[in-house]
Amino acid sequence: MLRQLTAARFLTRNLVVRNYTTEASGSLLVRLKDDRKTFMRAKQQPDLNVVKNILSDYTYHIKSPNAPANQSEDAALLSVIQKLVKKRQDAISQYTAGNRPELAAQEQDELDVLQRYLPEQMSAEQVEKKVKELIEQVGATTIKDMGKVMKAWTDASADKKVVSDAVKKLLGQ
């Protein structure tokens, strides 16, 4: 009995309260955590697994030593989600090439869940317009300056492959 009381006193005196919530109530991280709770309660296992995967990869990303220090929370989450989307797309192509339609369908379902958290993707014309502006800002003139333009691209609403193709097209002229 005495041990329980001293343990309780120790815990109340040394209790550290940490608040891990974000200030922006509409942030993507808050949305993901809320969706995780919703999917747990509704027992939607495939959706829950994808959301847990996003949150796990995000945690790994922010704790890694080579993570950008000045990257915002939403930008880090979007980059993690884009990497997961690319993995799923690669897996789908591999499974269809290997004649495994059931696994390709499962990956497609996970891809659909991931794409719910991405912003609406830009069209090719919009990407070209923005790339032209970036080329003027950076002062790129040749294809050798492609790296400068790609580093300046910060918008998550377009696939990096589409952006890369647009930069090659505009700088290759």
C-alpha atoms as a PDB file:
ATOM      1  CA  MET A   1       0.000   0.000   0.000  1.00  0.00           C
ATOM      2  CA  LEU A   2       2.800   2.357   0.895  1.00  0.00           C
ATOM      3  CA  ARG A   3       4.570   1.599  -2.392  1.00  0.00           C
ATOM      4  CA  GLN A   4       1.452   2.432  -4.359  1.00  0.00           C
ATOM      5  CA  LEU A   5       1.078   5.776  -2.575  1.00  0.00           C
ATOM      6  CA  THR A   6       4.710   6.746  -3.092  1.00  0.00           C
ATOM      7  CA  ALA A   7       4.512   5.716  -6.735  1.00  0.00           C
ATOM      8  CA  ALA A   8       1.368   7.788  -7.167  1.00  0.00           C
ATOM      9  CA  ARG A   9       3.008  10.826  -5.506  1.00  0.00           C
ATOM     10  CA  PHE A  10       6.092  10.392  -7.673  1.00  0.00           C
ATOM     11  CA  LEU A  11       4.003  10.268 -10.834  1.00  0.00           C
ATOM     12  CA  THR A  12       1.930  13.317  -9.924  1.00  0.00           C
ATOM     13  CA  ARG A  13       4.995  15.379  -9.022  1.00  0.00           C
ATOM     14  CA  ASN A  14       7.018  14.371 -12.043  1.00  0.00           C
ATOM     15  CA  LEU A  15       4.239  14.301 -14.600  1.00  0.00           C
ATOM     16  CA  VAL A  16       5.247  15.925 -17.850  1.00  0.00           C
ATOM     17  CA  VAL A  17       2.409  16.873 -20.135  1.00  0.00           C
ATOM     18  CA  ARG A  18       3.270  17.081 -23.790  1.00  0.00           C
ATOM     19  CA  ASN A  19       0.932  18.542 -26.330  1.00  0.00           C
ATOM     20  CA  TYR A  20       1.555  17.065 -29.753  1.00  0.00           C
ATOM     21  CA  THR A  21      -1.335  18.752 -31.508  1.00  0.00           C
ATOM     22  CA  THR A  22      -0.695  21.326 -34.159  1.00  0.00           C
ATOM     23  CA  GLU A  23      -1.878  24.904 -34.115  1.00  0.00           C
ATOM     24  CA  ALA A  24      -3.472  24.744 -37.548  1.00  0.00           C
ATOM     25  CA  SER A  25      -6.730  22.899 -37.099  1.00  0.00           C
ATOM     26  CA  GLY A  26      -7.069  22.236 -40.815  1.00  0.00           C
ATOM     27  CA  SER A  27      -3.665  20.685 -41.298  1.00  0.00           C
ATOM     28  CA  LEU A  28      -3.155  17.426 -43.106  1.00  0.00           C
ATOM     29  CA  LEU A  29      -1.629  15.747 -40.048  1.00  0.00           C
ATOM     30  CA  VAL A  30      -4.725  16.466 -37.960  1.00  0.00           C
ATOM     31  CA  ARG A  31      -6.904  15.156 -40.780  1.00  0.00           C
ATOM     32  CA  LEU A  32      -4.868  11.950 -40.984  1.00  0.00           C
ATOM     33  CA  LYS A  33      -5.037  11.382 -37.229  1.00  0.00           C
ATOM     34  CA  ASP A  34      -8.786  11.985 -37.224  1.00  0.00           C
ATOM     35  CA  ASP A  35      -9.216   9.601 -40.137  1.00  0.00           C
ATOM     36  CA  ARG A  36      -7.165   6.998 -38.297  1.00  0.00           C
ATOM     37  CA  LYS A  37      -9.586   7.190 -35.371  1.00  0.00           C
ATOM     38  CA  THR A  38     -12.585   7.064 -37.691  1.00  0.00           C
ATOM     39  CA  PHE A  39     -11.265   4.047 -39.591  1.00  0.00           C
ATOM     40  CA  MET A  40     -10.475   2.253 -36.324  1.00  0.00           C
ATOM     41  CA  ARG A  41     -14.002   2.797 -35.046  1.00  0.00           C
ATOM     42  CA  ALA A  42     -15.564   1.774 -38.360  1.00  0.00           C
ATOM     43  CA  LYS A  43     -13.202  -1.209 -38.667  1.00  0.00           C
ATOM     44  CA  GLN A  44     -12.160  -0.225 -42.191  1.00  0.00           C
ATOM     45  CA  GLN A  45      -8.927  -2.175 -42.151  1.00  0.00           C
ATOM     46  CA  PRO A  46      -7.514  -1.422 -45.646  1.00  0.00           C
ATOM     47  CA  ASP A  47      -7.992   2.335 -45.227  1.00  0.00           C
ATOM     48  CA  LEU A  48      -6.671   2.185 -41.686  1.00  0.00           C
ATOM     49  CA  ASN A  49      -3.517   0.367 -42.814  1.00  0.00           C
ATOM     50  CA  VAL A  50      -2.805   3.030 -45.433  1.00  0.00           C
ATOM     51  CA  VAL A  51      -3.286   5.908 -42.981  1.00  0.00           C
ATOM     52  CA  LYS A  52      -1.084   4.173 -40.394  1.00  0.00           C
ATOM     53  CA  ASN A  53       1.534   3.659 -43.095  1.00  0.00           C
ATOM     54  CA  ILE A  54       1.466   7.375 -43.956  1.00  0.00           C
ATOM     55  CA  LEU A  55       1.814   8.405 -40.313  1.00  0.00           C
ATOM     56  CA  SER A  56       4.607   5.896 -39.724  1.00  0.00           C
ATOM     57  CA  ASP A  57       6.573   7.030 -42.765  1.00  0.00           C
ATOM     58  CA  TYR A  58       6.021  10.670 -41.791  1.00  0.00           C
ATOM     59  CA  THR A  59       7.403  10.030 -38.303  1.00  0.00           C
ATOM     60  CA  TYR A  60      10.408   8.260 -39.792  1.00  0.00           C
ATOM     61  CA  HIS A  61      10.877  11.132 -42.261  1.00  0.00           C
ATOM     62  CA  ILE A  62      10.910  13.901 -39.651  1.00  0.00           C
ATOM     63  CA  LYS A  63      13.241  11.981 -37.341  1.00  0.00           C
ATOM     64  CA  SER A  64      15.735  11.087 -40.048  1.00  0.00           C
ATOM     65  CA  PRO A  65      18.976  13.073 -39.937  1.00  0.00           C
ATOM     66  CA  ASN A  66      18.765  14.078 -43.603  1.00  0.00           C
ATOM     67  CA  ALA A  67      15.267  15.574 -43.357  1.00  0.00           C
ATOM     68  CA  PRO A  68      15.057  19.222 -44.466  1.00  0.00           C
ATOM     69  CA  ALA A  69      15.008  21.481 -41.410  1.00  0.00           C
ATOM     70  CA  ASN A  70      12.907  24.281 -42.899  1.00  0.00           C
ATOM     71  CA  GLN A  71      10.213  22.050 -44.406  1.00  0.00           C
ATOM     72  CA  SER A  72       6.689  22.655 -43.164  1.00  0.00           C
ATOM     73  CA  GLU A  73       4.592  19.872 -41.684  1.00  0.00           C
ATOM     74  CA  ASP A  74       2.197  19.707 -44.628  1.00  0.00           C
ATOM     75  CA  ALA A  75       5.027  19.808 -47.167  1.00  0.00           C
ATOM     76  CA  ALA A  76       6.762  16.910 -45.418  1.00  0.00           C
ATOM     77  CA  LEU A  77       3.519  14.921 -45.330  1.00  0.00           C
ATOM     78  CA  LEU A  78       2.856  15.602 -48.993  1.00  0.00           C
ATOM     79  CA  SER A  79       6.335  14.461 -49.973  1.00  0.00           C
ATOM     80  CA  VAL A  80       5.856  11.262 -47.947  1.00  0.00           C
ATOM     81  CA  ILE A  81       2.474  10.639 -49.578  1.00  0.00           C
ATOM     82  CA  GLN A  82       3.915  11.264 -53.046  1.00  0.00           C
ATOM     83  CA  LYS A  83       6.653   8.710 -52.383  1.00  0.00           C
ATOM     84  CA  LEU A  84       4.052   6.192 -51.257  1.00  0.00           C
ATOM     85  CA  VAL A  85       1.974   6.889 -54.380  1.00  0.00           C
ATOM     86  CA  LYS A  86       4.998   6.275 -56.565  1.00  0.00           C
ATOM     87  CA  LYS A  87       5.709   2.996 -54.747  1.00  0.00           C
ATOM     88  CA  ARG A  88       2.118   1.869 -55.288  1.00  0.00           C
ATOM     89  CA  GLN A  89       2.210   2.785 -58.987  1.00  0.00           C
ATOM     90  CA  ASP A  90       5.443   0.841 -59.439  1.00  0.00           C
ATOM     91  CA  ALA A  91       3.980  -2.136 -57.599  1.00  0.00           C
ATOM     92  CA  ILE A  92       0.852  -2.066 -59.760  1.00  0.00           C
ATOM     93  CA  SER A  93       2.914  -2.135 -62.941  1.00  0.00           C
ATOM     94  CA  GLN A  94       5.061  -4.973 -61.549  1.00  0.00           C
ATOM     95  CA  TYR A  95       2.030  -7.030 -60.515  1.00  0.00           C
ATOM     96  CA  THR A  96       0.262  -6.565 -63.837  1.00  0.00           C
ATOM     97  CA  ALA A  97       3.448  -7.538 -65.679  1.00  0.00           C
ATOM     98  CA  GLY A  98       3.727 -10.601 -63.441  1.00  0.00           C
ATOM     99  CA  ASN A  99       0.097 -11.601 -64.115  1.00  0.00           C
ATOM    100  CA  ARG A 100      -1.032 -11.023 -60.489  1.00  0.00           C
ATOM    101  CA  PRO A 101      -4.290  -9.043 -60.898  1.00  0.00           C
ATOM    102  CA  GLU A 102      -5.456  -9.665 -57.306  1.00  0.00           C
ATOM    103  CA  LEU A 103      -2.339  -7.995 -55.876  1.00  0.00           C
ATOM    104  CA  ALA A 104      -2.553  -5.206 -58.447  1.00  0.00           C
ATOM    105  CA  ALA A 105      -6.164  -4.580 -57.378  1.00  0.00           C
ATOM    106  CA  GLN A 106      -5.131  -4.414 -53.718  1.00  0.00           C
ATOM    107  CA  GLU A 107      -2.389  -1.903 -54.540  1.00  0.00           C
ATOM    108  CA  GLN A 108      -4.866   0.104 -56.622  1.00  0.00           C
ATOM    109  CA  ASP A 109      -7.239   0.304 -53.642  1.00  0.00           C
ATOM    110  CA  GLU A 110      -4.388   1.582 -51.467  1.00  0.00           C
ATOM    111  CA  LEU A 111      -3.432   4.063 -54.182  1.00  0.00           C
ATOM    112  CA  ASP A 112      -6.998   5.393 -54.241  1.00  0.00           C
ATOM    113  CA  VAL A 113      -6.841   6.002 -50.480  1.00  0.00           C
ATOM    114  CA  LEU A 114      -3.482   7.776 -50.808  1.00  0.00           C
ATOM    115  CA  GLN A 115      -4.757  10.034 -53.573  1.00  0.00           C
ATOM    116  CA  ARG A 116      -7.528  11.304 -51.296  1.00  0.00           C
ATOM    117  CA  TYR A 117      -4.863  13.129 -49.296  1.00  0.00           C
ATOM    118  CA  LEU A 118      -3.070  14.715 -52.246  1.00  0.00           C
ATOM    119  CA  PRO A 119      -4.133  18.111 -53.577  1.00  0.00           C
ATOM    120  CA  GLU A 120      -5.758  18.297 -56.990  1.00  0.00           C
ATOM    121  CA  GLN A 121      -3.114  17.689 -59.636  1.00  0.00           C
ATOM    122  CA  MET A 122      -2.175  20.424 -62.098  1.00  0.00           C
ATOM    123  CA  SER A 123      -2.715  19.957 -65.811  1.00  0.00           C
ATOM    124  CA  ALA A 124       0.241  19.783 -68.202  1.00  0.00           C
ATOM    125  CA  GLU A 125      -0.455  23.319 -69.441  1.00  0.00           C
ATOM    126  CA  GLN A 126      -0.451  24.703 -65.910  1.00  0.00           C
ATOM    127  CA  VAL A 127       2.795  22.902 -65.163  1.00  0.00           C
ATOM    128  CA  GLU A 128       4.433  24.329 -68.290  1.00  0.00           C
ATOM    129  CA  LYS A 129       3.279  27.835 -67.396  1.00  0.00           C
ATOM    130  CA  LYS A 130       4.691  27.570 -63.885  1.00  0.00           C
ATOM    131  CA  VAL A 131       7.937  26.011 -65.157  1.00  0.00           C
ATOM    132  CA  LYS A 132       8.382  28.947 -67.573  1.00  0.00           C
ATOM    133  CA  GLU A 133       8.040  31.334 -64.627  1.00  0.00           C
ATOM    134  CA  LEU A 134      10.571  29.329 -62.616  1.00  0.00           C
ATOM    135  CA  ILE A 135      13.035  29.265 -65.503  1.00  0.00           C
ATOM    136  CA  GLU A 136      12.846  33.064 -65.682  1.00  0.00           C
ATOM    137  CA  GLN A 137      13.263  33.415 -61.890  1.00  0.00           C
ATOM    138  CA  VAL A 138      16.224  31.048 -61.697  1.00  0.00           C
ATOM    139  CA  GLY A 139      17.779  32.307 -64.915  1.00  0.00           C
ATOM    140  CA  ALA A 140      18.147  28.878 -66.469  1.00  0.00           C
ATOM    141  CA  THR A 141      19.190  28.810 -70.102  1.00  0.00           C
ATOM    142  CA  THR A 142      20.428  25.304 -70.888  1.00  0.00           C
ATOM    143  CA  ILE A 143      19.526  21.758 -69.948  1.00  0.00           C
ATOM    144  CA  LYS A 144      22.470  21.850 -67.515  1.00  0.00           C
ATOM    145  CA  ASP A 145      20.428  24.228 -65.354  1.00  0.00           C
ATOM    146  CA  MET A 146      17.639  21.680 -64.933  1.00  0.00           C
ATOM    147  CA  GLY A 147      18.693  20.919 -61.359  1.00  0.00           C
ATOM    148  CA  LYS A 148      18.253  24.555 -60.337  1.00  0.00           C
ATOM    149  CA  VAL A 149      14.741  24.617 -61.739  1.00  0.00           C
ATOM    150  CA  MET A 150      13.788  21.320 -60.099  1.00  0.00           C
ATOM    151  CA  LYS A 151      15.099  22.514 -56.721  1.00  0.00           C
ATOM    152  CA  ALA A 152      13.030  25.672 -57.049  1.00  0.00           C
ATOM    153  CA  TRP A 153       9.865  23.615 -57.691  1.00  0.00           C
ATOM    154  CA  THR A 154       8.002  23.410 -54.384  1.00  0.00           C
ATOM    155  CA  ASP A 155       4.442  22.779 -55.496  1.00  0.00           C
ATOM    156  CA  ALA A 156       3.125  19.350 -54.507  1.00  0.00           C
ATOM    157  CA  SER A 157       0.174  19.528 -56.881  1.00  0.00           C
ATOM    158  CA  ALA A 158       2.090  18.047 -59.805  1.00  0.00           C
ATOM    159  CA  ASP A 159       4.020  14.860 -60.316  1.00  0.00           C
ATOM    160  CA  LYS A 160       7.787  15.379 -60.431  1.00  0.00           C
ATOM    161  CA  LYS A 161       7.958  13.322 -63.628  1.00  0.00           C
ATOM    162  CA  VAL A 162       5.581  15.737 -65.407  1.00  0.00           C
ATOM    163  CA  VAL A 163       7.590  18.700 -64.107  1.00  0.00           C
ATOM    164  CA  SER A 164      10.851  17.095 -65.215  1.00  0.00           C
ATOM    165  CA  ASP A 165       9.458  16.471 -68.714  1.00  0.00           C
ATOM    166  CA  ALA A 166       8.272  20.077 -68.958  1.00  0.00           C
ATOM    167  CA  VAL A 167      11.668  21.412 -67.866  1.00  0.00           C
ATOM    168  CA  LYS A 168      13.434  19.205 -70.419  1.00  0.00           C
ATOM    169  CA  LYS A 169      11.065  20.337 -73.134  1.00  0.00           C
ATOM    170  CA  LEU A 170      11.461  24.048 -72.347  1.00  0.00           C
ATOM    171  CA  LEU A 171      15.221  24.025 -71.759  1.00  0.00           C
ATOM    172  CA  GLY A 172      15.957  21.689 -74.638  1.00  0.00           C
ATOM    173  CA  GLN A 173      14.606  24.145 -77.210  1.00  0.00           C
END
